């Protein structure tokens, strides 16, 4: 994934990311998809202003913890069947943007096992808070 740190509103940010987080979830609109779990790869990029994410004491509470991303994703996927990857991506994006230190976020989901002739099918969404 390409970074958006050259966007004018994000130039004062650092990017925190979770890459290819593999979860097994019940997702899809087809009957066969509703009968079992599928592997979904989730990627999250958080853009956090340096003023809110530069540690001075080398302490975890000075930054956004990676566990926040993983925990938020797991909380969402544990809620049950999801029809669309768009819904999953939008929901995870909303959770990321709800964090007070996060200015912007990008979320992608990919189903790598759908078609044998391509790496994956998926969706990506980006959101930024008003400044």
C-alpha atoms as a PDB file:
ATOM      1  CA  UNK A   1       0.000   0.000   0.000  1.00  0.00           C
ATOM      2  CA  UNK A   2       1.104   3.481  -0.800  1.00  0.00           C
ATOM      3  CA  UNK A   3       1.340   6.030   1.997  1.00  0.00           C
ATOM      4  CA  UNK A   4      -0.750   9.181   1.891  1.00  0.00           C
ATOM      5  CA  UNK A   5       1.765  11.158   3.951  1.00  0.00           C
ATOM      6  CA  UNK A   6       2.338  13.541   1.025  1.00  0.00           C
ATOM      7  CA  UNK A   7      -1.291  14.750   1.326  1.00  0.00           C
ATOM      8  CA  UNK A   8      -1.134  18.335   2.681  1.00  0.00           C
ATOM      9  CA  UNK A   9      -3.408  17.554   5.647  1.00  0.00           C
ATOM     10  CA  UNK A  10      -1.253  14.607   6.659  1.00  0.00           C
ATOM     11  CA  UNK A  11       2.240  16.058   6.285  1.00  0.00           C
ATOM     12  CA  UNK A  12       2.542  16.449  10.068  1.00  0.00           C
ATOM     13  CA  UNK A  13       1.541  12.827  10.727  1.00  0.00           C
ATOM     14  CA  UNK A  14       3.176   9.508  11.247  1.00  0.00           C
ATOM     15  CA  UNK A  15       1.655   6.356   9.772  1.00  0.00           C
ATOM     16  CA  UNK A  16       0.895   3.433  12.033  1.00  0.00           C
ATOM     17  CA  UNK A  17      -0.096   0.236  10.250  1.00  0.00           C
ATOM     18  CA  UNK A  18      -1.376  -3.292  10.610  1.00  0.00           C
ATOM     19  CA  UNK A  19      -0.495  -5.366   7.582  1.00  0.00           C
ATOM     20  CA  UNK A  20      -2.234  -8.507   6.264  1.00  0.00           C
ATOM     21  CA  UNK A  21      -4.023  -9.361   9.494  1.00  0.00           C
ATOM     22  CA  UNK A  22      -5.601 -12.723   8.651  1.00  0.00           C
ATOM     23  CA  UNK A  23      -9.005 -13.412  10.175  1.00  0.00           C
ATOM     24  CA  UNK A  24     -11.424 -16.242   9.474  1.00  0.00           C
ATOM     25  CA  UNK A  25     -14.948 -14.849   9.304  1.00  0.00           C
ATOM     26  CA  UNK A  26     -18.376 -15.602   7.937  1.00  0.00           C
ATOM     27  CA  UNK A  27     -18.652 -13.146   5.065  1.00  0.00           C
ATOM     28  CA  UNK A  28     -20.452 -13.112   1.742  1.00  0.00           C
ATOM     29  CA  UNK A  29     -23.807 -12.904   0.022  1.00  0.00           C
ATOM     30  CA  UNK A  30     -23.872 -16.317  -1.657  1.00  0.00           C
ATOM     31  CA  UNK A  31     -25.416 -19.332   0.100  1.00  0.00           C
ATOM     32  CA  UNK A  32     -22.131 -21.255   0.049  1.00  0.00           C
ATOM     33  CA  UNK A  33     -20.402 -18.305   1.722  1.00  0.00           C
ATOM     34  CA  UNK A  34     -22.937 -18.253   4.535  1.00  0.00           C
ATOM     35  CA  UNK A  35     -22.159 -21.864   5.499  1.00  0.00           C
ATOM     36  CA  UNK A  36     -18.566 -21.386   6.584  1.00  0.00           C
ATOM     37  CA  UNK A  37     -15.780 -18.996   7.310  1.00  0.00           C
ATOM     38  CA  UNK A  38     -13.468 -17.430   4.765  1.00  0.00           C
ATOM     39  CA  UNK A  39     -10.005 -16.036   5.188  1.00  0.00           C
ATOM     40  CA  UNK A  40      -9.933 -12.249   4.967  1.00  0.00           C
ATOM     41  CA  UNK A  41      -6.786 -10.132   5.060  1.00  0.00           C
ATOM     42  CA  UNK A  42      -7.237  -6.770   6.707  1.00  0.00           C
ATOM     43  CA  UNK A  43      -4.886  -3.824   6.326  1.00  0.00           C
ATOM     44  CA  UNK A  44      -5.137  -0.631   8.333  1.00  0.00           C
ATOM     45  CA  UNK A  45      -3.125   2.573   8.062  1.00  0.00           C
ATOM     46  CA  UNK A  46      -3.616   5.217  10.736  1.00  0.00           C
ATOM     47  CA  UNK A  47      -2.403   8.772  10.282  1.00  0.00           C
ATOM     48  CA  UNK A  48      -1.646  10.368  13.628  1.00  0.00           C
ATOM     49  CA  UNK A  49      -0.335  13.908  14.131  1.00  0.00           C
ATOM     50  CA  UNK A  50       3.232  13.913  15.385  1.00  0.00           C
ATOM     51  CA  UNK A  51       2.162  16.255  18.180  1.00  0.00           C
ATOM     52  CA  UNK A  52      -0.093  13.447  19.477  1.00  0.00           C
ATOM     53  CA  UNK A  53       2.217  10.522  18.809  1.00  0.00           C
ATOM     54  CA  UNK A  54       5.791  11.525  19.576  1.00  0.00           C
ATOM     55  CA  UNK A  55       6.874   9.925  22.825  1.00  0.00           C
ATOM     56  CA  UNK A  56       9.013  11.944  25.190  1.00  0.00           C
ATOM     57  CA  UNK A  57       9.184   9.315  27.950  1.00  0.00           C
ATOM     58  CA  UNK A  58       9.333   6.177  25.734  1.00  0.00           C
ATOM     59  CA  UNK A  59       6.003   5.046  27.236  1.00  0.00           C
ATOM     60  CA  UNK A  60       3.194   3.175  25.502  1.00  0.00           C
ATOM     61  CA  UNK A  61       0.478   5.566  26.667  1.00  0.00           C
ATOM     62  CA  UNK A  62       2.132   8.354  24.643  1.00  0.00           C
ATOM     63  CA  UNK A  63       1.256   6.674  21.354  1.00  0.00           C
ATOM     64  CA  UNK A  64      -1.613   4.792  19.732  1.00  0.00           C
ATOM     65  CA  UNK A  65      -1.137   1.138  20.630  1.00  0.00           C
ATOM     66  CA  UNK A  66      -1.157  -1.482  17.848  1.00  0.00           C
ATOM     67  CA  UNK A  67      -3.444  -3.540  20.082  1.00  0.00           C
ATOM     68  CA  UNK A  68      -6.143  -0.895  19.555  1.00  0.00           C
ATOM     69  CA  UNK A  69      -6.214  -1.757  15.847  1.00  0.00           C
ATOM     70  CA  UNK A  70      -6.271  -5.545  16.301  1.00  0.00           C
ATOM     71  CA  UNK A  71      -8.786  -5.417  19.149  1.00  0.00           C
ATOM     72  CA  UNK A  72     -11.117  -3.130  17.180  1.00  0.00           C
ATOM     73  CA  UNK A  73     -10.986  -5.398  14.131  1.00  0.00           C
ATOM     74  CA  UNK A  74     -11.683  -8.495  16.220  1.00  0.00           C
ATOM     75  CA  UNK A  75     -14.570  -6.828  18.037  1.00  0.00           C
ATOM     76  CA  UNK A  76     -16.176  -6.022  14.682  1.00  0.00           C
ATOM     77  CA  UNK A  77     -15.678  -9.414  13.055  1.00  0.00           C
ATOM     78  CA  UNK A  78     -16.925 -11.222  16.167  1.00  0.00           C
ATOM     79  CA  UNK A  79     -20.391  -9.666  15.765  1.00  0.00           C
ATOM     80  CA  UNK A  80     -21.494 -12.286  13.248  1.00  0.00           C
ATOM     81  CA  UNK A  81     -22.115 -12.666   9.528  1.00  0.00           C
ATOM     82  CA  UNK A  82     -21.195  -9.787   7.242  1.00  0.00           C
ATOM     83  CA  UNK A  83     -22.585  -9.713   3.711  1.00  0.00           C
ATOM     84  CA  UNK A  84     -20.156  -7.281   2.081  1.00  0.00           C
ATOM     85  CA  UNK A  85     -16.487  -6.434   2.344  1.00  0.00           C
ATOM     86  CA  UNK A  86     -17.553  -2.806   1.911  1.00  0.00           C
ATOM     87  CA  UNK A  87     -19.539  -3.043   5.147  1.00  0.00           C
ATOM     88  CA  UNK A  88     -16.599  -4.544   7.006  1.00  0.00           C
ATOM     89  CA  UNK A  89     -14.167  -1.906   5.698  1.00  0.00           C
ATOM     90  CA  UNK A  90     -16.555   0.947   6.488  1.00  0.00           C
ATOM     91  CA  UNK A  91     -17.176  -0.348  10.009  1.00  0.00           C
ATOM     92  CA  UNK A  92     -13.466  -0.762  10.762  1.00  0.00           C
ATOM     93  CA  UNK A  93     -12.774   2.699   9.331  1.00  0.00           C
ATOM     94  CA  UNK A  94     -15.392   4.216  11.648  1.00  0.00           C
ATOM     95  CA  UNK A  95     -13.807   2.482  14.641  1.00  0.00           C
ATOM     96  CA  UNK A  96     -10.360   3.805  13.690  1.00  0.00           C
ATOM     97  CA  UNK A  97     -11.594   7.373  13.183  1.00  0.00           C
ATOM     98  CA  UNK A  98     -13.345   7.292  16.558  1.00  0.00           C
ATOM     99  CA  UNK A  99      -9.950   7.247  18.283  1.00  0.00           C
ATOM    100  CA  UNK A 100      -9.228  10.805  19.446  1.00  0.00           C
ATOM    101  CA  UNK A 101      -5.607  10.785  18.234  1.00  0.00           C
ATOM    102  CA  UNK A 102      -6.312   9.470  14.719  1.00  0.00           C
ATOM    103  CA  UNK A 103      -6.678  12.140  12.029  1.00  0.00           C
ATOM    104  CA  UNK A 104      -7.161   9.805   9.068  1.00  0.00           C
ATOM    105  CA  UNK A 105      -7.300   6.122   8.292  1.00  0.00           C
ATOM    106  CA  UNK A 106      -7.243   3.755   5.375  1.00  0.00           C
ATOM    107  CA  UNK A 107      -8.720   0.267   5.624  1.00  0.00           C
ATOM    108  CA  UNK A 108      -8.651  -2.518   3.075  1.00  0.00           C
ATOM    109  CA  UNK A 109     -10.069  -6.004   3.123  1.00  0.00           C
ATOM    110  CA  UNK A 110      -9.158  -8.792   0.752  1.00  0.00           C
ATOM    111  CA  UNK A 111     -10.490 -12.290   0.181  1.00  0.00           C
ATOM    112  CA  UNK A 112      -7.461 -14.197  -1.155  1.00  0.00           C
ATOM    113  CA  UNK A 113      -9.165 -17.540  -1.742  1.00  0.00           C
ATOM    114  CA  UNK A 114     -12.118 -16.562  -3.960  1.00  0.00           C
ATOM    115  CA  UNK A 115     -10.651 -17.062  -7.434  1.00  0.00           C
ATOM    116  CA  UNK A 116      -7.791 -19.356  -8.400  1.00  0.00           C
ATOM    117  CA  UNK A 117      -6.542 -17.009 -11.129  1.00  0.00           C
ATOM    118  CA  UNK A 118      -5.941 -13.878  -9.042  1.00  0.00           C
ATOM    119  CA  UNK A 119      -4.248 -12.972  -5.789  1.00  0.00           C
ATOM    120  CA  UNK A 120      -7.328 -11.526  -4.097  1.00  0.00           C
ATOM    121  CA  UNK A 121     -10.526  -9.522  -4.415  1.00  0.00           C
ATOM    122  CA  UNK A 122     -11.188  -6.690  -2.050  1.00  0.00           C
ATOM    123  CA  UNK A 123     -12.088  -3.161  -1.203  1.00  0.00           C
ATOM    124  CA  UNK A 124     -10.346  -0.147   0.262  1.00  0.00           C
ATOM    125  CA  UNK A 125     -11.727   2.946   1.952  1.00  0.00           C
ATOM    126  CA  UNK A 126     -10.117   6.131   3.248  1.00  0.00           C
ATOM    127  CA  UNK A 127     -11.470   8.671   5.702  1.00  0.00           C
ATOM    128  CA  UNK A 128     -10.186  11.849   7.291  1.00  0.00           C
ATOM    129  CA  UNK A 129     -11.528  13.973  10.134  1.00  0.00           C
ATOM    130  CA  UNK A 130     -12.367  17.603   9.518  1.00  0.00           C
ATOM    131  CA  UNK A 131      -9.687  19.899  10.899  1.00  0.00           C
END
